[in-house]
Every structure is written in C-alpha cells, then in structure tokens.
Amino acid sequence: MNMDLALQLMTSLLTSAVKISTPILVAVLVVGLVVSIFQVVTQIQEMSLTYLPKLSIAVVMLLLIGPWMLRQLMSFTIRLWTSIPQMF
C-alpha cells in the first residue's frame, strides 16, 4: 500500500465519520443551548435538567436518522472492501 492510498482512505474515513456524526451533534448542541438559556432565564440550576433533554434528543435522532447512518456506513465499508485488491 502506498502513502497516497493510505491518505485517501484516511480522508474518506474522517469525512464519513464527520458526515455521520454531525446531525446528532448539532441536535444535541441546539437542545443544550435552549436548555442553558432556559436555566439562565428561570435561574433553575438543576443538573438533571441538562442531561435528560440531551440524552432524549440523541435517542430520538438515532431512531430517526439511524437507517441513513447505517446506509452511509455500509457504503463506506463496501467501498473499502472493494478497494482491497488495489492496495497490493
């Protein structure tokens, strides 16, 4: 395996990881921001108030976009396996 192919595989891996994880991270970030603003406005400093909405939105997002995430992982894996003969 040459260095160019290794760099191409690593770039593809990192691009796929970012593309797959971004929707969940953005949703959790938005919910965390909304909860933080709510806490500042109401002066409620309960720690469970921050974790429960973030966890629940992460689960909901996984249920909603889980099939898309799985298709992305499958296409990356298929591309990786089909490129194995070209590595050697």
Protein backbone atom coordinates (compact mmCIF):
# COMPACT_ATOMS: atom_id res chain seq x y z
CA MET A 1 0.00 0.00 0.00
CA ASN A 2 1.43 3.34 -0.96
CA MET A 3 1.16 6.56 1.01
CA ASP A 4 -1.34 8.20 -1.36
CA LEU A 5 -3.82 5.36 -0.98
CA ALA A 6 -3.45 5.43 2.82
CA LEU A 7 -4.10 9.17 2.88
CA GLN A 8 -7.09 8.75 0.59
CA LEU A 9 -8.55 6.03 2.84
CA MET A 10 -7.96 8.12 5.96
CA THR A 11 -9.59 11.16 4.35
CA SER A 12 -12.57 9.08 3.32
CA LEU A 13 -12.83 7.62 6.83
CA LEU A 14 -12.75 11.01 8.54
CA THR A 15 -15.19 12.54 6.05
CA SER A 16 -17.64 9.70 6.61
CA ALA A 17 -17.30 9.99 10.39
CA VAL A 18 -17.99 13.72 10.33
CA LYS A 19 -20.92 13.31 7.93
CA ILE A 20 -22.46 10.60 10.11
CA SER A 21 -21.99 12.27 13.48
CA THR A 22 -22.89 15.85 12.55
CA PRO A 23 -26.72 15.62 12.70
CA ILE A 24 -26.76 14.18 16.20
CA LEU A 25 -24.11 16.56 17.48
CA VAL A 26 -25.92 19.60 16.06
CA ALA A 27 -29.25 18.50 17.55
CA VAL A 28 -27.70 17.94 20.98
CA LEU A 29 -25.91 21.29 20.73
CA VAL A 30 -29.12 23.15 19.90
CA VAL A 31 -31.03 21.45 22.72
CA GLY A 32 -28.19 22.19 25.15
CA LEU A 33 -28.23 25.84 24.13
CA VAL A 34 -32.00 26.09 24.58
CA VAL A 35 -31.82 24.41 28.00
CA SER A 36 -28.97 26.71 29.04
CA ILE A 37 -30.96 29.78 28.03
CA PHE A 38 -33.96 28.39 29.92
CA GLN A 39 -31.81 27.87 33.01
CA VAL A 40 -30.43 31.39 32.85
CA VAL A 41 -33.87 32.94 32.44
CA THR A 42 -35.52 30.92 35.22
CA GLN A 43 -32.41 30.58 37.44
CA ILE A 44 -33.04 26.86 37.84
CA GLN A 45 -29.65 25.17 38.24
CA GLU A 46 -30.74 21.53 38.32
CA MET A 47 -28.07 19.26 36.79
CA SER A 48 -30.53 16.64 35.59
CA LEU A 49 -32.26 19.34 33.55
CA THR A 50 -29.22 19.49 31.27
CA TYR A 51 -28.64 15.76 30.78
CA LEU A 52 -32.14 14.42 30.25
CA PRO A 53 -33.12 16.58 27.21
CA LYS A 54 -29.74 16.00 25.55
CA LEU A 55 -29.96 12.26 26.07
CA SER A 56 -33.54 12.08 24.87
CA ILE A 57 -32.85 14.12 21.71
CA ALA A 58 -29.84 11.92 20.96
CA VAL A 59 -32.02 8.80 21.21
CA VAL A 60 -34.74 10.37 19.06
CA MET A 61 -32.21 11.43 16.44
CA LEU A 62 -30.70 7.94 16.41
CA LEU A 63 -34.14 6.46 15.83
CA LEU A 64 -34.96 8.97 13.08
CA ILE A 65 -31.68 9.02 11.14
CA GLY A 66 -30.32 5.64 12.19
CA PRO A 67 -31.19 3.99 8.87
CA TRP A 68 -29.44 6.77 6.95
CA MET A 69 -26.39 6.44 9.18
CA LEU A 70 -26.34 2.68 8.61
CA ARG A 71 -26.55 3.15 4.83
CA GLN A 72 -23.62 5.58 4.96
CA LEU A 73 -21.54 3.12 6.99
CA MET A 74 -22.45 0.29 4.66
CA SER A 75 -21.46 2.25 1.57
CA PHE A 76 -18.14 3.21 3.17
CA THR A 77 -17.49 -0.42 4.11
CA ILE A 78 -18.35 -1.65 0.62
CA ARG A 79 -16.01 0.94 -0.92
CA LEU A 80 -13.28 -0.11 1.50
CA TRP A 81 -13.67 -3.81 0.78
CA THR A 82 -13.78 -3.32 -2.97
CA SER A 83 -10.59 -1.27 -2.85
CA ILE A 84 -8.61 -4.02 -1.09
CA PRO A 85 -7.35 -5.63 -4.35
CA GLN A 86 -5.94 -2.28 -5.45
CA MET A 87 -3.92 -1.97 -2.24
CA PHE A 88 -1.48 -4.72 -3.03
